[in-house]
């Protein structure tokens, strides 16, 4: 998951609990755009839960080029975006589940339109240009669907994920991380996101209509979770060194203003006696510098 600049908000955590209760949205909106100089003559594909419309590029609600550059867009992609005359907007609304049916419908439709019109698929949730085809089956990679932008607060890093909401989960937030751990902590958070999404998928399979989920506050993340976040093939690897684990705690950071979103704050375990920076350093050393023999 690529790290870029972002702005979070202060936390409003309330004590230490054994579990946290996460609300499950009733409906989710998925939205993609295809930037193209060869727009289709009509918005084919509308219906079956999809809404497709065509707008002049100057009137379309697209992310600015500077933001797309910050989330990893290549010079070539930005040049193609600069020659686009229209945007095909693809939206889909559906219930929460895994795989996320509405998300897949919108993304698949955008991919099809882009292939037919030599266009660029833009994920408006993250936001970023989709540079390679995404999968949600055996080849699912969470890193394709979620990014971990960060900013600096008092000399320490503040991460806030973008993309967990497409699965019906609050975004993650992690503060107080040393700057020298930028890449490593992004990998750790990718693993934690994988842990939370895996639990979410199992819970939804058991009860697809749940309005709330009770989630353990104290959990563990392993190298296998991190590897799965970047490549699902790691799940099948017979490699015991991937099972080295580190503990973490989550707490719900509820919205304090109407219209804001709640976050899941990633924290040190309740029995850790030290700063967040010390804990983050300890986790990175344990996961990535542990003996392999």
Protein backbone atom coordinates (compact mmCIF):
# COMPACT_ATOMS: atom_id res chain seq x y z
CA UNK A 1 0.00 0.00 0.00
CA UNK A 2 1.49 3.30 -1.01
CA UNK A 3 1.98 6.04 1.55
CA UNK A 4 1.04 9.59 0.60
CA UNK A 5 0.19 12.81 2.39
CA UNK A 6 -3.12 13.04 4.20
CA UNK A 7 -4.86 14.76 7.08
CA UNK A 8 -6.60 12.86 9.88
CA UNK A 9 -8.53 14.06 12.90
CA UNK A 10 -7.95 13.88 16.66
CA UNK A 11 -8.96 10.65 18.37
CA UNK A 12 -11.82 10.30 20.85
CA UNK A 13 -11.04 6.89 22.35
CA UNK A 14 -13.01 5.79 25.37
CA UNK A 15 -11.17 3.42 27.72
CA UNK A 16 -9.91 -0.14 27.19
CA UNK A 17 -12.42 -2.92 26.48
CA UNK A 18 -12.18 -6.63 25.70
CA UNK A 19 -14.22 -6.13 22.53
CA UNK A 20 -15.34 -3.31 20.32
CA UNK A 21 -18.65 -3.04 18.49
CA UNK A 22 -18.40 -2.15 14.81
CA UNK A 23 -21.51 -1.03 12.92
CA UNK A 24 -22.15 -2.77 9.60
CA UNK A 25 -23.55 -0.39 6.94
CA UNK A 26 -26.83 -1.42 5.38
CA UNK A 27 -25.75 -0.32 1.90
CA UNK A 28 -22.49 0.59 0.21
CA UNK A 29 -21.83 2.86 -2.78
CA UNK A 30 -19.09 1.94 -5.24
CA UNK A 31 -17.91 4.51 -7.78
CA UNK A 32 -15.39 4.43 -10.62
CA UNK A 33 -14.68 6.69 -13.56
CA UNK A 34 -13.19 6.01 -16.97
CA UNK A 35 -11.30 8.94 -18.50
CA UNK A 36 -11.23 8.64 -22.28
CA UNK A 37 -10.91 10.56 -25.54
CA UNK A 38 -13.14 7.97 -27.23
CA UNK A 39 -16.35 7.95 -25.19
CA UNK A 40 -19.10 5.46 -26.05
CA UNK A 41 -22.10 6.87 -27.85
CA UNK A 42 -24.40 5.99 -25.00
CA UNK A 43 -24.15 4.92 -21.39
CA UNK A 44 -24.47 1.19 -22.04
CA UNK A 45 -24.50 -1.00 -18.96
CA UNK A 46 -27.02 0.90 -16.85
CA UNK A 47 -29.38 -1.36 -14.95
CA UNK A 48 -28.84 -4.44 -12.77
CA UNK A 49 -27.79 -2.18 -9.92
CA UNK A 50 -25.44 -0.11 -12.08
CA UNK A 51 -25.77 3.53 -13.07
CA UNK A 52 -23.56 4.68 -15.95
CA UNK A 53 -23.35 8.24 -17.25
CA UNK A 54 -21.06 10.19 -19.56
CA UNK A 55 -19.82 13.69 -18.69
CA UNK A 56 -17.41 16.15 -20.31
CA UNK A 57 -14.10 15.76 -18.50
CA UNK A 58 -14.20 19.34 -17.18
CA UNK A 59 -17.59 18.74 -15.52
CA UNK A 60 -16.90 15.29 -14.11
CA UNK A 61 -16.21 14.88 -10.36
CA UNK A 62 -12.72 13.48 -10.83
CA UNK A 63 -9.80 13.72 -8.39
CA UNK A 64 -7.28 16.42 -9.34
CA UNK A 65 -4.18 15.30 -11.22
CA UNK A 66 -1.94 16.36 -8.32
CA UNK A 67 -3.76 13.99 -5.97
CA UNK A 68 -3.56 11.14 -8.48
CA UNK A 69 0.17 11.82 -8.83
CA UNK A 70 0.51 11.61 -5.04
CA UNK A 71 -1.20 8.21 -5.02
CA UNK A 72 1.23 6.77 -7.54
CA UNK A 73 -0.01 7.70 -11.02
CA UNK A 74 2.72 7.40 -13.65
CA UNK A 75 3.78 10.22 -15.97
CA UNK A 76 2.32 8.25 -18.87
CA UNK A 77 -1.05 7.81 -17.16
CA UNK A 78 -1.26 11.49 -16.27
CA UNK A 79 -0.44 12.38 -19.87
CA UNK A 80 -3.28 10.16 -21.07
CA UNK A 81 -5.58 11.74 -18.51
CA UNK A 82 -4.61 15.15 -19.88
CA UNK A 83 -5.85 14.18 -23.37
CA UNK A 84 -9.17 12.73 -22.16
CA UNK A 85 -12.28 14.60 -23.28
CA UNK A 86 -14.94 12.70 -21.32
CA UNK A 87 -15.45 10.67 -18.18
CA UNK A 88 -17.73 7.67 -17.99
CA UNK A 89 -19.03 7.48 -14.42
CA UNK A 90 -19.94 4.04 -13.08
CA UNK A 91 -21.79 3.68 -9.79
CA UNK A 92 -23.27 0.70 -8.00
CA UNK A 93 -25.14 0.31 -4.70
CA UNK A 94 -25.36 -2.96 -2.83
CA UNK A 95 -25.33 -4.70 0.52
CA UNK A 96 -22.24 -5.44 2.58
CA UNK A 97 -20.61 -8.80 1.92
CA UNK A 98 -17.44 -10.52 0.84
CA UNK A 99 -16.72 -10.61 -1.98
CA UNK A 100 -18.37 -7.16 -2.26
CA UNK A 101 -20.82 -7.66 -5.14
CA UNK A 102 -21.55 -3.98 -5.82
CA UNK A 103 -17.86 -3.10 -5.82
CA UNK A 104 -17.06 -5.88 -8.25
CA UNK A 105 -19.95 -4.91 -10.52
CA UNK A 106 -18.82 -1.29 -10.73
CA UNK A 107 -15.16 -2.17 -11.18
CA UNK A 108 -15.85 -4.84 -13.83
CA UNK A 109 -18.07 -2.44 -15.78
CA UNK A 110 -15.40 0.27 -15.63
CA UNK A 111 -12.73 -2.18 -16.83
CA UNK A 112 -14.94 -3.24 -19.76
CA UNK A 113 -15.64 0.36 -20.75
CA UNK A 114 -11.95 1.27 -20.49
CA UNK A 115 -10.94 -1.65 -22.71
CA UNK A 116 -13.45 -0.63 -25.36
CA UNK A 117 -12.59 3.08 -25.27
CA UNK A 118 -8.84 3.03 -24.60
CA UNK A 119 -9.56 4.73 -21.30
CA UNK A 120 -8.11 4.96 -17.81
CA UNK A 121 -9.96 3.46 -14.85
CA UNK A 122 -9.98 5.80 -11.85
CA UNK A 123 -10.85 4.49 -8.42
CA UNK A 124 -12.59 7.48 -6.86
CA UNK A 125 -12.60 6.01 -3.33
CA UNK A 126 -8.82 5.95 -2.81
CA UNK A 127 -8.44 7.90 -5.22
CA UNK A 128 -5.97 6.63 -7.82
CA UNK A 129 -5.59 5.42 -11.38
CA UNK A 130 -5.89 1.64 -11.53
CA UNK A 131 -2.64 0.65 -13.20
CA UNK A 132 -3.13 -3.13 -13.23
CA UNK A 133 -6.12 -5.42 -13.23
CA UNK A 134 -7.53 -6.24 -9.81
CA UNK A 135 -8.84 -9.60 -8.68
CA UNK A 136 -11.09 -10.60 -5.78
CA UNK A 137 -10.94 -14.38 -6.09
CA UNK A 138 -7.89 -16.57 -5.46
CA UNK A 139 -5.57 -13.76 -6.58
CA UNK A 140 -7.12 -11.17 -4.25
CA UNK A 141 -4.57 -8.63 -2.93
CA UNK A 142 -5.82 -6.22 -0.29
CA UNK A 143 -3.07 -3.80 -1.32
CA UNK A 144 -4.89 -3.31 -4.65
CA UNK A 145 -8.00 -2.05 -2.87
CA UNK A 146 -6.70 -0.15 0.15
CA UNK A 147 -3.90 2.41 0.55
CA UNK A 148 -2.31 3.88 3.68
CA UNK A 149 -1.64 7.59 3.28
CA UNK A 150 0.21 9.35 6.07
CA UNK A 151 1.08 12.78 7.35
CA UNK A 152 3.52 14.04 9.98
CA UNK A 153 2.30 15.15 13.39
CA UNK A 154 4.84 16.49 15.90
CA UNK A 155 7.63 14.65 14.11
CA UNK A 156 5.78 11.31 14.08
CA UNK A 157 3.69 9.61 11.41
CA UNK A 158 -0.09 9.56 11.35
CA UNK A 159 -1.56 6.89 9.04
CA UNK A 160 -5.18 6.86 7.88
CA UNK A 161 -6.30 4.13 5.48
CA UNK A 162 -8.43 4.68 2.40
CA UNK A 163 -10.45 1.81 1.00
CA UNK A 164 -11.55 -0.31 3.99
CA UNK A 165 -14.95 1.34 3.75
CA UNK A 166 -15.61 -0.41 0.43
CA UNK A 167 -15.81 -3.66 2.44
CA UNK A 168 -18.10 -2.17 5.09
CA UNK A 169 -15.35 -1.56 7.66
CA UNK A 170 -14.25 1.73 9.25
CA UNK A 171 -10.95 3.08 8.02
CA UNK A 172 -7.85 2.39 10.11
CA UNK A 173 -5.92 5.07 11.95
CA UNK A 174 -2.45 4.79 13.52
CA UNK A 175 -0.53 7.63 15.16
CA UNK A 176 2.84 8.20 16.79
CA UNK A 177 4.99 6.06 14.47
CA UNK A 178 8.66 7.03 13.91
CA UNK A 179 9.41 8.33 10.43
CA UNK A 180 12.16 5.76 9.86
CA UNK A 181 9.48 3.04 9.99
CA UNK A 182 7.37 4.46 7.16
CA UNK A 183 7.56 1.49 4.77
CA UNK A 184 7.71 -1.19 7.46
CA UNK A 185 4.73 0.22 9.34
CA UNK A 186 2.75 0.41 6.11
CA UNK A 187 3.35 -3.33 5.73
CA UNK A 188 2.32 -3.98 9.35
CA UNK A 189 -0.91 -2.04 8.85
CA UNK A 190 -1.54 -3.96 5.64
CA UNK A 191 -1.34 -7.16 7.69
CA UNK A 192 -3.63 -5.75 10.38
CA UNK A 193 -6.13 -4.70 7.71
CA UNK A 194 -5.95 -8.26 6.34
CA UNK A 195 -6.65 -9.69 9.81
CA UNK A 196 -9.68 -7.44 10.28
CA UNK A 197 -11.02 -8.08 6.78
CA UNK A 198 -10.66 -11.86 7.15
CA UNK A 199 -12.63 -11.76 10.40
CA UNK A 200 -15.19 -9.49 8.78
CA UNK A 201 -15.65 -11.88 5.85
CA UNK A 202 -16.14 -14.87 8.18
CA UNK A 203 -18.67 -12.99 10.30
CA UNK A 204 -20.67 -11.85 7.26
CA UNK A 205 -20.71 -15.41 5.93
CA UNK A 206 -22.25 -16.55 9.24
CA UNK A 207 -24.73 -13.66 9.48
CA UNK A 208 -25.11 -11.60 6.27
CA UNK A 209 -27.75 -9.34 7.81
CA UNK A 210 -25.93 -8.33 11.00
CA UNK A 211 -26.23 -4.62 11.81
CA UNK A 212 -23.32 -4.75 14.29
CA UNK A 213 -20.29 -6.95 14.92
CA UNK A 214 -18.49 -7.55 18.19
CA UNK A 215 -14.77 -7.79 17.53
CA UNK A 216 -11.95 -8.77 19.95
CA UNK A 217 -9.95 -5.71 20.93
CA UNK A 218 -6.70 -7.65 21.43
CA UNK A 219 -5.51 -9.53 18.32
CA UNK A 220 -2.35 -10.69 16.59
CA UNK A 221 -0.85 -10.02 13.17
CA UNK A 222 1.60 -12.41 11.53
CA UNK A 223 4.02 -12.25 8.63
CA UNK A 224 1.57 -14.53 6.83
CA UNK A 225 -1.16 -11.88 7.20
CA UNK A 226 1.21 -9.28 5.76
CA UNK A 227 2.15 -11.58 2.89
CA UNK A 228 -1.52 -12.28 2.18
CA UNK A 229 -2.19 -8.55 2.02
CA UNK A 230 0.16 -8.34 -0.93
CA UNK A 231 -0.33 -11.80 -2.48
CA UNK A 232 -2.96 -14.38 -1.60
CA UNK A 233 -0.67 -17.19 -2.78
CA UNK A 234 1.17 -16.83 0.53
CA UNK A 235 -1.86 -18.40 2.23
CA UNK A 236 -0.91 -21.74 0.72
CA UNK A 237 2.82 -21.49 1.39
CA UNK A 238 4.22 -24.15 3.71
CA UNK A 239 6.60 -21.76 5.42
CA UNK A 240 6.49 -21.72 9.25
CA UNK A 241 8.62 -18.56 9.40
CA UNK A 242 5.55 -16.65 8.19
CA UNK A 243 3.76 -17.49 11.43
CA UNK A 244 5.81 -15.17 13.66
CA UNK A 245 3.21 -12.99 15.39
CA UNK A 246 2.90 -9.65 17.17
CA UNK A 247 0.05 -8.39 19.32
CA UNK A 248 -1.97 -5.25 18.72
CA UNK A 249 -5.13 -3.68 20.07
CA UNK A 250 -7.95 -1.89 18.30
CA UNK A 251 -10.38 0.69 19.63
CA UNK A 252 -13.30 2.41 17.97
CA UNK A 253 -12.70 6.11 17.45
CA UNK A 254 -16.30 7.32 16.99
CA UNK A 255 -17.26 10.33 14.96
CA UNK A 256 -17.93 13.41 17.08
CA UNK A 257 -19.48 15.49 14.30
CA UNK A 258 -22.43 14.50 12.13
CA UNK A 259 -21.26 13.47 8.69
CA UNK A 260 -17.82 12.33 9.85
CA UNK A 261 -16.78 8.69 9.79
CA UNK A 262 -15.69 6.53 12.68
CA UNK A 263 -12.19 5.04 12.63
CA UNK A 264 -10.59 1.90 14.00
CA UNK A 265 -7.55 3.05 15.94
CA UNK A 266 -4.59 0.65 15.91
CA UNK A 267 -2.86 0.72 19.31
CA UNK A 268 -0.35 -1.08 21.50
CA UNK A 269 -1.68 -4.00 23.57
CA UNK A 270 -3.17 -2.97 26.91
CA UNK A 271 -0.26 -4.52 28.85
CA UNK A 272 2.44 -2.66 26.91
CA UNK A 273 4.25 -0.09 29.06
CA UNK A 274 5.87 2.38 26.73
CA UNK A 275 5.21 4.88 23.98
CA UNK A 276 3.56 4.12 20.67
CA UNK A 277 6.88 4.77 18.96
CA UNK A 278 8.58 2.15 21.16
CA UNK A 279 5.82 -0.37 20.49
CA UNK A 280 5.93 0.23 16.71
CA UNK A 281 9.70 -0.27 16.75
CA UNK A 282 9.30 -3.47 18.77
CA UNK A 283 6.71 -4.91 16.36
CA UNK A 284 8.82 -4.16 13.30
CA UNK A 285 11.86 -5.81 14.89
CA UNK A 286 9.83 -8.85 15.92
CA UNK A 287 8.16 -9.37 12.55
CA UNK A 288 10.94 -8.47 10.17
CA UNK A 289 14.13 -9.15 12.15
CA UNK A 290 13.14 -12.34 13.96
CA UNK A 291 15.48 -15.33 13.62
CA UNK A 292 14.50 -17.67 10.78
CA UNK A 293 16.19 -20.83 12.08
